[in-house]
Amino acid sequence: LTDHKNFILCYSTPPFPVWIWTVDDIDED
């Protein structure tokens, strides 16, 4: 999942963790 600007979410496969990258000072929305 991504909006190509503020965040990237990637879940490879269980049992590995979900990686979530976010911009610094990310908006509450």
mmCIF file of all heavy atoms, coordinates in Angstrom:
data_MODEL
# 
_entry.id   MODEL 
# 
loop_
_atom_site.group_PDB 
_atom_site.id 
_atom_site.type_symbol 
_atom_site.label_atom_id 
_atom_site.label_alt_id 
_atom_site.label_comp_id 
_atom_site.label_asym_id 
_atom_site.label_entity_id 
_atom_site.label_seq_id 
_atom_site.pdbx_PDB_ins_code 
_atom_site.Cartn_x 
_atom_site.Cartn_y 
_atom_site.Cartn_z 
_atom_site.occupancy 
_atom_site.B_iso_or_equiv 
_atom_site.pdbx_formal_charge 
_atom_site.auth_seq_id 
_atom_site.auth_comp_id 
_atom_site.auth_asym_id 
_atom_site.auth_atom_id 
_atom_site.pdbx_PDB_model_num 
ATOM 1   N N   . LEU A 1 1  ? 0.846  -1.187  0.000  1.00 0.00 ? 1  LEU A N   1 
ATOM 2   C CA  . LEU A 1 1  ? 0.000  0.000   0.000  1.00 0.00 ? 1  LEU A CA  1 
ATOM 3   C C   . LEU A 1 1  ? 0.885  1.242   0.000  1.00 0.00 ? 1  LEU A C   1 
ATOM 4   O O   . LEU A 1 1  ? 1.886  1.295   0.714  1.00 0.00 ? 1  LEU A O   1 
ATOM 5   C CB  . LEU A 1 1  ? -0.912 0.040   1.236  1.00 0.00 ? 1  LEU A CB  1 
ATOM 6   C CG  . LEU A 1 1  ? -2.017 -1.003  1.358  1.00 0.00 ? 1  LEU A CG  1 
ATOM 7   C CD1 . LEU A 1 1  ? -2.708 -0.864  2.708  1.00 0.00 ? 1  LEU A CD1 1 
ATOM 8   C CD2 . LEU A 1 1  ? -3.023 -0.874  0.223  1.00 0.00 ? 1  LEU A CD2 1 
ATOM 9   N N   . THR A 1 2  ? 0.519  2.259   -0.754 1.00 0.00 ? 2  THR A N   1 
ATOM 10  C CA  . THR A 1 2  ? 1.288  3.495   -0.782 1.00 0.00 ? 2  THR A CA  1 
ATOM 11  C C   . THR A 1 2  ? 0.448  4.619   -1.385 1.00 0.00 ? 2  THR A C   1 
ATOM 12  O O   . THR A 1 2  ? -0.440 4.363   -2.202 1.00 0.00 ? 2  THR A O   1 
ATOM 13  C CB  . THR A 1 2  ? 2.583  3.335   -1.598 1.00 0.00 ? 2  THR A CB  1 
ATOM 14  O OG1 . THR A 1 2  ? 3.289  4.577   -1.634 1.00 0.00 ? 2  THR A OG1 1 
ATOM 15  C CG2 . THR A 1 2  ? 2.294  2.891   -3.023 1.00 0.00 ? 2  THR A CG2 1 
ATOM 16  N N   . ASP A 1 3  ? 0.756  5.856   -0.971 1.00 0.00 ? 3  ASP A N   1 
ATOM 17  C CA  . ASP A 1 3  ? 0.190  7.010   -1.672 1.00 0.00 ? 3  ASP A CA  1 
ATOM 18  C C   . ASP A 1 3  ? 1.271  7.694   -2.505 1.00 0.00 ? 3  ASP A C   1 
ATOM 19  O O   . ASP A 1 3  ? 1.050  8.777   -3.047 1.00 0.00 ? 3  ASP A O   1 
ATOM 20  C CB  . ASP A 1 3  ? -0.454 7.990   -0.690 1.00 0.00 ? 3  ASP A CB  1 
ATOM 21  C CG  . ASP A 1 3  ? 0.550  8.679   0.223  1.00 0.00 ? 3  ASP A CG  1 
ATOM 22  O OD1 . ASP A 1 3  ? 1.738  8.294   0.221  1.00 0.00 ? 3  ASP A OD1 1 
ATOM 23  O OD2 . ASP A 1 3  ? 0.144  9.610   0.950  1.00 0.00 ? 3  ASP A OD2 1 
ATOM 24  N N   . HIS A 1 4  ? 2.458  7.070   -2.572 1.00 0.00 ? 4  HIS A N   1 
ATOM 25  C CA  . HIS A 1 4  ? 3.601  7.539   -3.365 1.00 0.00 ? 4  HIS A CA  1 
ATOM 26  C C   . HIS A 1 4  ? 4.132  8.895   -2.894 1.00 0.00 ? 4  HIS A C   1 
ATOM 27  O O   . HIS A 1 4  ? 4.915  9.530   -3.597 1.00 0.00 ? 4  HIS A O   1 
ATOM 28  C CB  . HIS A 1 4  ? 3.253  7.630   -4.853 1.00 0.00 ? 4  HIS A CB  1 
ATOM 29  C CG  . HIS A 1 4  ? 2.614  6.404   -5.407 1.00 0.00 ? 4  HIS A CG  1 
ATOM 30  N ND1 . HIS A 1 4  ? 3.273  5.210   -5.519 1.00 0.00 ? 4  HIS A ND1 1 
ATOM 31  C CD2 . HIS A 1 4  ? 1.350  6.183   -5.864 1.00 0.00 ? 4  HIS A CD2 1 
ATOM 32  C CE1 . HIS A 1 4  ? 2.457  4.296   -6.036 1.00 0.00 ? 4  HIS A CE1 1 
ATOM 33  N NE2 . HIS A 1 4  ? 1.293  4.859   -6.241 1.00 0.00 ? 4  HIS A NE2 1 
ATOM 34  N N   . LYS A 1 5  ? 3.746  9.294   -1.677 1.00 0.00 ? 5  LYS A N   1 
ATOM 35  C CA  . LYS A 1 5  ? 4.171  10.616  -1.204 1.00 0.00 ? 5  LYS A CA  1 
ATOM 36  C C   . LYS A 1 5  ? 4.447  10.645  0.296  1.00 0.00 ? 5  LYS A C   1 
ATOM 37  O O   . LYS A 1 5  ? 5.471  11.157  0.735  1.00 0.00 ? 5  LYS A O   1 
ATOM 38  C CB  . LYS A 1 5  ? 3.099  11.657  -1.539 1.00 0.00 ? 5  LYS A CB  1 
ATOM 39  C CG  . LYS A 1 5  ? 3.451  13.079  -1.132 1.00 0.00 ? 5  LYS A CG  1 
ATOM 40  C CD  . LYS A 1 5  ? 2.347  14.045  -1.554 1.00 0.00 ? 5  LYS A CD  1 
ATOM 41  C CE  . LYS A 1 5  ? 2.692  15.468  -1.138 1.00 0.00 ? 5  LYS A CE  1 
ATOM 42  N NZ  . LYS A 1 5  ? 1.607  16.433  -1.511 1.00 0.00 ? 5  LYS A NZ  1 
ATOM 43  N N   . ASN A 1 6  ? 3.535  10.073  1.088  1.00 0.00 ? 6  ASN A N   1 
ATOM 44  C CA  . ASN A 1 6  ? 3.625  10.202  2.543  1.00 0.00 ? 6  ASN A CA  1 
ATOM 45  C C   . ASN A 1 6  ? 3.925  8.906   3.283  1.00 0.00 ? 6  ASN A C   1 
ATOM 46  O O   . ASN A 1 6  ? 4.437  8.939   4.402  1.00 0.00 ? 6  ASN A O   1 
ATOM 47  C CB  . ASN A 1 6  ? 2.311  10.764  3.103  1.00 0.00 ? 6  ASN A CB  1 
ATOM 48  C CG  . ASN A 1 6  ? 2.000  12.139  2.568  1.00 0.00 ? 6  ASN A CG  1 
ATOM 49  O OD1 . ASN A 1 6  ? 2.661  13.115  2.915  1.00 0.00 ? 6  ASN A OD1 1 
ATOM 50  N ND2 . ASN A 1 6  ? 0.978  12.224  1.715  1.00 0.00 ? 6  ASN A ND2 1 
ATOM 51  N N   . PHE A 1 7  ? 3.559  7.769   2.683  1.00 0.00 ? 7  PHE A N   1 
ATOM 52  C CA  . PHE A 1 7  ? 3.779  6.507   3.390  1.00 0.00 ? 7  PHE A CA  1 
ATOM 53  C C   . PHE A 1 7  ? 3.924  5.346   2.416  1.00 0.00 ? 7  PHE A C   1 
ATOM 54  O O   . PHE A 1 7  ? 3.443  5.384   1.281  1.00 0.00 ? 7  PHE A O   1 
ATOM 55  C CB  . PHE A 1 7  ? 2.627  6.224   4.370  1.00 0.00 ? 7  PHE A CB  1 
ATOM 56  C CG  . PHE A 1 7  ? 1.400  5.655   3.713  1.00 0.00 ? 7  PHE A CG  1 
ATOM 57  C CD1 . PHE A 1 7  ? 1.206  4.283   3.623  1.00 0.00 ? 7  PHE A CD1 1 
ATOM 58  C CD2 . PHE A 1 7  ? 0.445  6.495   3.168  1.00 0.00 ? 7  PHE A CD2 1 
ATOM 59  C CE1 . PHE A 1 7  ? 0.078  3.759   3.012  1.00 0.00 ? 7  PHE A CE1 1 
ATOM 60  C CE2 . PHE A 1 7  ? -0.690 5.983   2.551  1.00 0.00 ? 7  PHE A CE2 1 
ATOM 61  C CZ  . PHE A 1 7  ? -0.869 4.604   2.470  1.00 0.00 ? 7  PHE A CZ  1 
ATOM 62  N N   . ILE A 1 8  ? 4.608  4.314   2.908  1.00 0.00 ? 8  ILE A N   1 
ATOM 63  C CA  . ILE A 1 8  ? 4.747  3.040   2.202  1.00 0.00 ? 8  ILE A CA  1 
ATOM 64  C C   . ILE A 1 8  ? 4.500  1.942   3.235  1.00 0.00 ? 8  ILE A C   1 
ATOM 65  O O   . ILE A 1 8  ? 5.128  1.927   4.294  1.00 0.00 ? 8  ILE A O   1 
ATOM 66  C CB  . ILE A 1 8  ? 6.161  2.864   1.612  1.00 0.00 ? 8  ILE A CB  1 
ATOM 67  C CG1 . ILE A 1 8  ? 6.466  3.963   0.595  1.00 0.00 ? 8  ILE A CG1 1 
ATOM 68  C CG2 . ILE A 1 8  ? 6.320  1.474   0.975  1.00 0.00 ? 8  ILE A CG2 1 
ATOM 69  C CD1 . ILE A 1 8  ? 7.939  4.027   0.202  1.00 0.00 ? 8  ILE A CD1 1 
ATOM 70  N N   . LEU A 1 9  ? 3.594  1.043   2.934  1.00 0.00 ? 9  LEU A N   1 
ATOM 71  C CA  . LEU A 1 9  ? 3.317  -0.107  3.806  1.00 0.00 ? 9  LEU A CA  1 
ATOM 72  C C   . LEU A 1 9  ? 3.571  -1.373  3.016  1.00 0.00 ? 9  LEU A C   1 
ATOM 73  O O   . LEU A 1 9  ? 3.012  -1.531  1.921  1.00 0.00 ? 9  LEU A O   1 
ATOM 74  C CB  . LEU A 1 9  ? 1.877  -0.058  4.320  1.00 0.00 ? 9  LEU A CB  1 
ATOM 75  C CG  . LEU A 1 9  ? 1.447  -1.132  5.326  1.00 0.00 ? 9  LEU A CG  1 
ATOM 76  C CD1 . LEU A 1 9  ? 0.310  -0.603  6.215  1.00 0.00 ? 9  LEU A CD1 1 
ATOM 77  C CD2 . LEU A 1 9  ? 1.002  -2.440  4.659  1.00 0.00 ? 9  LEU A CD2 1 
ATOM 78  N N   . CYS A 1 10 ? 4.380  -2.268  3.577  1.00 0.00 ? 10 CYS A N   1 
ATOM 79  C CA  . CYS A 1 10 ? 4.720  -3.502  2.863  1.00 0.00 ? 10 CYS A CA  1 
ATOM 80  C C   . CYS A 1 10 ? 4.757  -4.664  3.843  1.00 0.00 ? 10 CYS A C   1 
ATOM 81  O O   . CYS A 1 10 ? 5.482  -4.629  4.847  1.00 0.00 ? 10 CYS A O   1 
ATOM 82  C CB  . CYS A 1 10 ? 6.075  -3.339  2.169  1.00 0.00 ? 10 CYS A CB  1 
ATOM 83  S SG  . CYS A 1 10 ? 6.525  -4.733  1.109  1.00 0.00 ? 10 CYS A SG  1 
ATOM 84  N N   . TYR A 1 11 ? 3.975  -5.683  3.554  1.00 0.00 ? 11 TYR A N   1 
ATOM 85  C CA  . TYR A 1 11 ? 3.906  -6.895  4.371  1.00 0.00 ? 11 TYR A CA  1 
ATOM 86  C C   . TYR A 1 11 ? 4.311  -8.050  3.476  1.00 0.00 ? 11 TYR A C   1 
ATOM 87  O O   . TYR A 1 11 ? 3.564  -8.455  2.588  1.00 0.00 ? 11 TYR A O   1 
ATOM 88  C CB  . TYR A 1 11 ? 2.479  -7.080  4.893  1.00 0.00 ? 11 TYR A CB  1 
ATOM 89  C CG  . TYR A 1 11 ? 2.277  -8.222  5.851  1.00 0.00 ? 11 TYR A CG  1 
ATOM 90  C CD1 . TYR A 1 11 ? 3.329  -8.800  6.549  1.00 0.00 ? 11 TYR A CD1 1 
ATOM 91  C CD2 . TYR A 1 11 ? 0.995  -8.715  6.085  1.00 0.00 ? 11 TYR A CD2 1 
ATOM 92  C CE1 . TYR A 1 11 ? 3.110  -9.840  7.439  1.00 0.00 ? 11 TYR A CE1 1 
ATOM 93  C CE2 . TYR A 1 11 ? 0.754  -9.751  6.978  1.00 0.00 ? 11 TYR A CE2 1 
ATOM 94  C CZ  . TYR A 1 11 ? 1.824  -10.313 7.658  1.00 0.00 ? 11 TYR A CZ  1 
ATOM 95  O OH  . TYR A 1 11 ? 1.610  -11.344 8.544  1.00 0.00 ? 11 TYR A OH  1 
ATOM 96  N N   . SER A 1 12 ? 5.512  -8.574  3.697  1.00 0.00 ? 12 SER A N   1 
ATOM 97  C CA  . SER A 1 12 ? 6.016  -9.616  2.803  1.00 0.00 ? 12 SER A CA  1 
ATOM 98  C C   . SER A 1 12 ? 5.253  -10.912 2.991  1.00 0.00 ? 12 SER A C   1 
ATOM 99  O O   . SER A 1 12 ? 4.539  -11.368 2.088  1.00 0.00 ? 12 SER A O   1 
ATOM 100 C CB  . SER A 1 12 ? 7.512  -9.831  3.025  1.00 0.00 ? 12 SER A CB  1 
ATOM 101 O OG  . SER A 1 12 ? 7.785  -10.175 4.376  1.00 0.00 ? 12 SER A OG  1 
ATOM 102 N N   . THR A 1 13 ? 5.383  -11.506 4.154  1.00 0.00 ? 13 THR A N   1 
ATOM 103 C CA  . THR A 1 13 ? 4.695  -12.760 4.443  1.00 0.00 ? 13 THR A CA  1 
ATOM 104 C C   . THR A 1 13 ? 4.831  -13.065 5.925  1.00 0.00 ? 13 THR A C   1 
ATOM 105 O O   . THR A 1 13 ? 5.822  -12.648 6.543  1.00 0.00 ? 13 THR A O   1 
ATOM 106 C CB  . THR A 1 13 ? 5.304  -13.920 3.610  1.00 0.00 ? 13 THR A CB  1 
ATOM 107 O OG1 . THR A 1 13 ? 4.574  -15.125 3.864  1.00 0.00 ? 13 THR A OG1 1 
ATOM 108 C CG2 . THR A 1 13 ? 6.759  -14.143 3.949  1.00 0.00 ? 13 THR A CG2 1 
ATOM 109 N N   . PRO A 1 14 ? 3.865  -13.745 6.524  1.00 0.00 ? 14 PRO A N   1 
ATOM 110 C CA  . PRO A 1 14 ? 4.044  -14.161 7.918  1.00 0.00 ? 14 PRO A CA  1 
ATOM 111 C C   . PRO A 1 14 ? 5.237  -15.121 8.015  1.00 0.00 ? 14 PRO A C   1 
ATOM 112 O O   . PRO A 1 14 ? 5.478  -15.862 7.063  1.00 0.00 ? 14 PRO A O   1 
ATOM 113 C CB  . PRO A 1 14 ? 2.733  -14.888 8.247  1.00 0.00 ? 14 PRO A CB  1 
ATOM 114 C CG  . PRO A 1 14 ? 1.768  -14.429 7.204  1.00 0.00 ? 14 PRO A CG  1 
ATOM 115 C CD  . PRO A 1 14 ? 2.576  -14.151 5.972  1.00 0.00 ? 14 PRO A CD  1 
ATOM 116 N N   . PRO A 1 15 ? 6.004  -15.114 9.091  1.00 0.00 ? 15 PRO A N   1 
ATOM 117 C CA  . PRO A 1 15 ? 5.790  -14.380 10.341 1.00 0.00 ? 15 PRO A CA  1 
ATOM 118 C C   . PRO A 1 15 ? 6.553  -13.061 10.404 1.00 0.00 ? 15 PRO A C   1 
ATOM 119 O O   . PRO A 1 15 ? 6.766  -12.526 11.491 1.00 0.00 ? 15 PRO A O   1 
ATOM 120 C CB  . PRO A 1 15 ? 6.355  -15.360 11.374 1.00 0.00 ? 15 PRO A CB  1 
ATOM 121 C CG  . PRO A 1 15 ? 7.533  -15.981 10.660 1.00 0.00 ? 15 PRO A CG  1 
ATOM 122 C CD  . PRO A 1 15 ? 7.120  -16.095 9.212  1.00 0.00 ? 15 PRO A CD  1 
ATOM 123 N N   . PHE A 1 16 ? 6.990  -12.537 9.252  1.00 0.00 ? 16 PHE A N   1 
ATOM 124 C CA  . PHE A 1 16 ? 7.802  -11.325 9.258  1.00 0.00 ? 16 PHE A CA  1 
ATOM 125 C C   . PHE A 1 16 ? 6.949  -10.093 9.567  1.00 0.00 ? 16 PHE A C   1 
ATOM 126 O O   . PHE A 1 16 ? 5.745  -10.080 9.321  1.00 0.00 ? 16 PHE A O   1 
ATOM 127 C CB  . PHE A 1 16 ? 8.511  -11.165 7.913  1.00 0.00 ? 16 PHE A CB  1 
ATOM 128 C CG  . PHE A 1 16 ? 9.465  -12.280 7.622  1.00 0.00 ? 16 PHE A CG  1 
ATOM 129 C CD1 . PHE A 1 16 ? 9.180  -13.215 6.638  1.00 0.00 ? 16 PHE A CD1 1 
ATOM 130 C CD2 . PHE A 1 16 ? 10.633 -12.425 8.350  1.00 0.00 ? 16 PHE A CD2 1 
ATOM 131 C CE1 . PHE A 1 16 ? 10.054 -14.261 6.379  1.00 0.00 ? 16 PHE A CE1 1 
ATOM 132 C CE2 . PHE A 1 16 ? 11.507 -13.456 8.098  1.00 0.00 ? 16 PHE A CE2 1 
ATOM 133 C CZ  . PHE A 1 16 ? 11.220 -14.383 7.117  1.00 0.00 ? 16 PHE A CZ  1 
ATOM 134 N N   . PRO A 1 17 ? 7.569  -9.044  10.109 1.00 0.00 ? 17 PRO A N   1 
ATOM 135 C CA  . PRO A 1 17 ? 6.813  -7.837  10.454 1.00 0.00 ? 17 PRO A CA  1 
ATOM 136 C C   . PRO A 1 17 ? 6.377  -7.043  9.222  1.00 0.00 ? 17 PRO A C   1 
ATOM 137 O O   . PRO A 1 17 ? 6.942  -7.192  8.138  1.00 0.00 ? 17 PRO A O   1 
ATOM 138 C CB  . PRO A 1 17 ? 7.811  -7.027  11.304 1.00 0.00 ? 17 PRO A CB  1 
ATOM 139 C CG  . PRO A 1 17 ? 9.157  -7.494  10.848 1.00 0.00 ? 17 PRO A CG  1 
ATOM 140 C CD  . PRO A 1 17 ? 8.984  -8.948  10.510 1.00 0.00 ? 17 PRO A CD  1 
ATOM 141 N N   . VAL A 1 18 ? 5.385  -6.202  9.428  1.00 0.00 ? 18 VAL A N   1 
ATOM 142 C CA  . VAL A 1 18 ? 4.965  -5.233  8.427  1.00 0.00 ? 18 VAL A CA  1 
ATOM 143 C C   . VAL A 1 18 ? 5.905  -4.029  8.518  1.00 0.00 ? 18 VAL A C   1 
ATOM 144 O O   . VAL A 1 18 ? 6.168  -3.525  9.618  1.00 0.00 ? 18 VAL A O   1 
ATOM 145 C CB  . VAL A 1 18 ? 3.516  -4.777  8.676  1.00 0.00 ? 18 VAL A CB  1 
ATOM 146 C CG1 . VAL A 1 18 ? 3.107  -3.703  7.672  1.00 0.00 ? 18 VAL A CG1 1 
ATOM 147 C CG2 . VAL A 1 18 ? 2.560  -5.960  8.626  1.00 0.00 ? 18 VAL A CG2 1 
ATOM 148 N N   . TRP A 1 19 ? 6.427  -3.595  7.387  1.00 0.00 ? 19 TRP A N   1 
ATOM 149 C CA  . TRP A 1 19 ? 7.247  -2.388  7.357  1.00 0.00 ? 19 TRP A CA  1 
ATOM 150 C C   . TRP A 1 19 ? 6.375  -1.213  6.945  1.00 0.00 ? 19 TRP A C   1 
ATOM 151 O O   . TRP A 1 19 ? 5.658  -1.283  5.939  1.00 0.00 ? 19 TRP A O   1 
ATOM 152 C CB  . TRP A 1 19 ? 8.397  -2.544  6.363  1.00 0.00 ? 19 TRP A CB  1 
ATOM 153 C CG  . TRP A 1 19 ? 9.513  -3.409  6.876  1.00 0.00 ? 19 TRP A CG  1 
ATOM 154 C CD1 . TRP A 1 19 ? 9.568  -4.770  6.863  1.00 0.00 ? 19 TRP A CD1 1 
ATOM 155 C CD2 . TRP A 1 19 ? 10.721 -2.955  7.476  1.00 0.00 ? 19 TRP A CD2 1 
ATOM 156 N NE1 . TRP A 1 19 ? 10.744 -5.200  7.424  1.00 0.00 ? 19 TRP A NE1 1 
ATOM 157 C CE2 . TRP A 1 19 ? 11.483 -4.115  7.809  1.00 0.00 ? 19 TRP A CE2 1 
ATOM 158 C CE3 . TRP A 1 19 ? 11.255 -1.691  7.763  1.00 0.00 ? 19 TRP A CE3 1 
ATOM 159 C CZ2 . TRP A 1 19 ? 12.721 -4.030  8.416  1.00 0.00 ? 19 TRP A CZ2 1 
ATOM 160 C CZ3 . TRP A 1 19 ? 12.499 -1.610  8.363  1.00 0.00 ? 19 TRP A CZ3 1 
ATOM 161 C CH2 . TRP A 1 19 ? 13.227 -2.768  8.693  1.00 0.00 ? 19 TRP A CH2 1 
ATOM 162 N N   . ILE A 1 20 ? 6.441  -0.119  7.737  1.00 0.00 ? 20 ILE A N   1 
ATOM 163 C CA  . ILE A 1 20 ? 5.680  1.084   7.402  1.00 0.00 ? 20 ILE A CA  1 
ATOM 164 C C   . ILE A 1 20 ? 6.628  2.274   7.448  1.00 0.00 ? 20 ILE A C   1 
ATOM 165 O O   . ILE A 1 20 ? 7.077  2.682   8.522  1.00 0.00 ? 20 ILE A O   1 
ATOM 166 C CB  . ILE A 1 20 ? 4.502  1.322   8.370  1.00 0.00 ? 20 ILE A CB  1 
ATOM 167 C CG1 . ILE A 1 20 ? 3.574  0.093   8.423  1.00 0.00 ? 20 ILE A CG1 1 
ATOM 168 C CG2 . ILE A 1 20 ? 3.707  2.558   7.930  1.00 0.00 ? 20 ILE A CG2 1 
ATOM 169 C CD1 . ILE A 1 20 ? 2.446  0.217   9.433  1.00 0.00 ? 20 ILE A CD1 1 
ATOM 170 N N   . TRP A 1 21 ? 6.926  2.805   6.269  1.00 0.00 ? 21 TRP A N   1 
ATOM 171 C CA  . TRP A 1 21 ? 7.726  4.036   6.189  1.00 0.00 ? 21 TRP A CA  1 
ATOM 172 C C   . TRP A 1 21 ? 6.783  5.221   6.117  1.00 0.00 ? 21 TRP A C   1 
ATOM 173 O O   . TRP A 1 21 ? 5.759  5.179   5.428  1.00 0.00 ? 21 TRP A O   1 
ATOM 174 C CB  . TRP A 1 21 ? 8.607  4.031   4.943  1.00 0.00 ? 21 TRP A CB  1 
ATOM 175 C CG  . TRP A 1 21 ? 9.355  5.325   4.759  1.00 0.00 ? 21 TRP A CG  1 
ATOM 176 C CD1 . TRP A 1 21 ? 10.563 5.659   5.271  1.00 0.00 ? 21 TRP A CD1 1 
ATOM 177 C CD2 . TRP A 1 21 ? 8.900  6.471   4.022  1.00 0.00 ? 21 TRP A CD2 1 
ATOM 178 N NE1 . TRP A 1 21 ? 10.916 6.940   4.912  1.00 0.00 ? 21 TRP A NE1 1 
ATOM 179 C CE2 . TRP A 1 21 ? 9.906  7.461   4.142  1.00 0.00 ? 21 TRP A CE2 1 
ATOM 180 C CE3 . TRP A 1 21 ? 7.755  6.769   3.291  1.00 0.00 ? 21 TRP A CE3 1 
ATOM 181 C CZ2 . TRP A 1 21 ? 9.794  8.725   3.543  1.00 0.00 ? 21 TRP A CZ2 1 
ATOM 182 C CZ3 . TRP A 1 21 ? 7.628  8.022   2.703  1.00 0.00 ? 21 TRP A CZ3 1 
ATOM 183 C CH2 . TRP A 1 21 ? 8.652  8.977   2.822  1.00 0.00 ? 21 TRP A CH2 1 
ATOM 184 N N   . THR A 1 22 ? 7.126  6.281   6.857  1.00 0.00 ? 22 THR A N   1 
ATOM 185 C CA  . THR A 1 22 ? 6.340  7.505   6.822  1.00 0.00 ? 22 THR A CA  1 
ATOM 186 C C   . THR A 1 22 ? 7.271  8.706   6.702  1.00 0.00 ? 22 THR A C   1 
ATOM 187 O O   . THR A 1 22 ? 8.423  8.661   7.157  1.00 0.00 ? 22 THR A O   1 
ATOM 188 C CB  . THR A 1 22 ? 5.490  7.664   8.101  1.00 0.00 ? 22 THR A CB  1 
ATOM 189 O OG1 . THR A 1 22 ? 6.330  7.483   9.262  1.00 0.00 ? 22 THR A OG1 1 
ATOM 190 C CG2 . THR A 1 22 ? 4.366  6.642   8.135  1.00 0.00 ? 22 THR A CG2 1 
ATOM 191 N N   . VAL A 1 23 ? 6.773  9.776   6.116  1.00 0.00 ? 23 VAL A N   1 
ATOM 192 C CA  . VAL A 1 23 ? 7.557  11.012  6.059  1.00 0.00 ? 23 VAL A CA  1 
ATOM 193 C C   . VAL A 1 23 ? 7.722  11.556  7.469  1.00 0.00 ? 23 VAL A C   1 
ATOM 194 O O   . VAL A 1 23 ? 6.925  11.268  8.368  1.00 0.00 ? 23 VAL A O   1 
ATOM 195 C CB  . VAL A 1 23 ? 6.874  12.080  5.168  1.00 0.00 ? 23 VAL A CB  1 
ATOM 196 C CG1 . VAL A 1 23 ? 6.850  11.637  3.721  1.00 0.00 ? 23 VAL A CG1 1 
ATOM 197 C CG2 . VAL A 1 23 ? 5.473  12.388  5.673  1.00 0.00 ? 23 VAL A CG2 1 
ATOM 198 N N   . ASP A 1 24 ? 8.742  12.360  7.680  1.00 0.00 ? 24 ASP A N   1 
ATOM 199 C CA  . ASP A 1 24 ? 8.898  13.040  8.956  1.00 0.00 ? 24 ASP A CA  1 
ATOM 200 C C   . ASP A 1 24 ? 7.792  14.081  9.115  1.00 0.00 ? 24 ASP A C   1 
ATOM 201 O O   . ASP A 1 24 ? 7.320  14.662  8.126  1.00 0.00 ? 24 ASP A O   1 
ATOM 202 C CB  . ASP A 1 24 ? 10.266 13.718  9.026  1.00 0.00 ? 24 ASP A CB  1 
ATOM 203 C CG  . ASP A 1 24 ? 11.413 12.709  9.003  1.00 0.00 ? 24 ASP A CG  1 
ATOM 204 O OD1 . ASP A 1 24 ? 11.188 11.552  9.422  1.00 0.00 ? 24 ASP A OD1 1 
ATOM 205 O OD2 . ASP A 1 24 ? 12.517 13.080  8.550  1.00 0.00 ? 24 ASP A OD2 1 
ATOM 206 N N   . ASP A 1 25 ? 7.370  14.292  10.367 1.00 0.00 ? 25 ASP A N   1 
ATOM 207 C CA  . ASP A 1 25 ? 6.289  15.250  10.648 1.00 0.00 ? 25 ASP A CA  1 
ATOM 208 C C   . ASP A 1 25 ? 5.030  14.926  9.843  1.00 0.00 ? 25 ASP A C   1 
ATOM 209 O O   . ASP A 1 25 ? 4.395  15.800  9.244  1.00 0.00 ? 25 ASP A O   1 
ATOM 210 C CB  . ASP A 1 25 ? 6.736  16.684  10.353 1.00 0.00 ? 25 ASP A CB  1 
ATOM 211 C CG  . ASP A 1 25 ? 7.957  17.091  11.176 1.00 0.00 ? 25 ASP A CG  1 
ATOM 212 O OD1 . ASP A 1 25 ? 8.004  16.729  12.372 1.00 0.00 ? 25 ASP A OD1 1 
ATOM 213 O OD2 . ASP A 1 25 ? 8.858  17.738  10.625 1.00 0.00 ? 25 ASP A OD2 1 
ATOM 214 N N   . ILE A 1 26 ? 4.681  13.658  9.845  1.00 0.00 ? 26 ILE A N   1 
ATOM 215 C CA  . ILE A 1 26 ? 3.536  13.191  9.068  1.00 0.00 ? 26 ILE A CA  1 
ATOM 216 C C   . ILE A 1 26 ? 2.229  13.804  9.573  1.00 0.00 ? 26 ILE A C   1 
ATOM 217 O O   . ILE A 1 26 ? 2.014  13.954  10.773 1.00 0.00 ? 26 ILE A O   1 
ATOM 218 C CB  . ILE A 1 26 ? 3.473  11.643  9.119  1.00 0.00 ? 26 ILE A CB  1 
ATOM 219 C CG1 . ILE A 1 26 ? 2.333  11.104  8.262  1.00 0.00 ? 26 ILE A CG1 1 
ATOM 220 C CG2 . ILE A 1 26 ? 3.393  11.142  10.541 1.00 0.00 ? 26 ILE A CG2 1 
ATOM 221 C CD1 . ILE A 1 26 ? 2.325  9.587   8.157  1.00 0.00 ? 26 ILE A CD1 1 
ATOM 222 N N   . ASP A 1 27 ? 1.335  14.177  8.651  1.00 0.00 ? 27 ASP A N   1 
ATOM 223 C CA  . ASP A 1 27 ? 0.048  14.769  8.996  1.00 0.00 ? 27 ASP A CA  1 
ATOM 224 C C   . ASP A 1 27 ? -0.842 13.759  9.727  1.00 0.00 ? 27 ASP A C   1 
ATOM 225 O O   . ASP A 1 27 ? -0.798 12.549  9.448  1.00 0.00 ? 27 ASP A O   1 
ATOM 226 C CB  . ASP A 1 27 ? -0.689 15.227  7.732  1.00 0.00 ? 27 ASP A CB  1 
ATOM 227 C CG  . ASP A 1 27 ? -0.027 16.432  7.077  1.00 0.00 ? 27 ASP A CG  1 
ATOM 228 O OD1 . ASP A 1 27 ? 0.785  17.099  7.756  1.00 0.00 ? 27 ASP A OD1 1 
ATOM 229 O OD2 . ASP A 1 27 ? -0.308 16.677  5.888  1.00 0.00 ? 27 ASP A OD2 1 
ATOM 230 N N   . GLU A 1 28 ? -1.678 14.281  10.616 1.00 0.00 ? 28 GLU A N   1 
ATOM 231 C CA  . GLU A 1 28 ? -2.593 13.418  11.358 1.00 0.00 ? 28 GLU A CA  1 
ATOM 232 C C   . GLU A 1 28 ? -3.561 12.699  10.424 1.00 0.00 ? 28 GLU A C   1 
ATOM 233 O O   . GLU A 1 28 ? -3.928 11.551  10.666 1.00 0.00 ? 28 GLU A O   1 
ATOM 234 C CB  . GLU A 1 28 ? -3.371 14.243  12.390 1.00 0.00 ? 28 GLU A CB  1 
ATOM 235 C CG  . GLU A 1 28 ? -2.543 14.737  13.556 1.00 0.00 ? 28 GLU A CG  1 
ATOM 236 C CD  . GLU A 1 28 ? -1.952 13.606  14.371 1.00 0.00 ? 28 GLU A CD  1 
ATOM 237 O OE1 . GLU A 1 28 ? -2.693 12.638  14.665 1.00 0.00 ? 28 GLU A OE1 1 
ATOM 238 O OE2 . GLU A 1 28 ? -0.750 13.684  14.717 1.00 0.00 ? 28 GLU A OE2 1 
ATOM 239 N N   . ASP A 1 29 ? -3.968 13.359  9.364  1.00 0.00 ? 29 ASP A N   1 
ATOM 240 C CA  . ASP A 1 29 ? -4.895 12.725  8.417  1.00 0.00 ? 29 ASP A CA  1 
ATOM 241 C C   . ASP A 1 29 ? -4.272 11.499  7.763  1.00 0.00 ? 29 ASP A C   1 
ATOM 242 O O   . ASP A 1 29 ? -4.964 10.492  7.524  1.00 0.00 ? 29 ASP A O   1 
ATOM 243 C CB  . ASP A 1 29 ? -5.311 13.723  7.334  1.00 0.00 ? 29 ASP A CB  1 
ATOM 244 C CG  . ASP A 1 29 ? -6.240 14.810  7.860  1.00 0.00 ? 29 ASP A CG  1 
ATOM 245 O OD1 . ASP A 1 29 ? -6.765 14.638  8.980  1.00 0.00 ? 29 ASP A OD1 1 
ATOM 246 O OD2 . ASP A 1 29 ? -6.441 15.811  7.149  1.00 0.00 ? 29 ASP A OD2 1 
# 
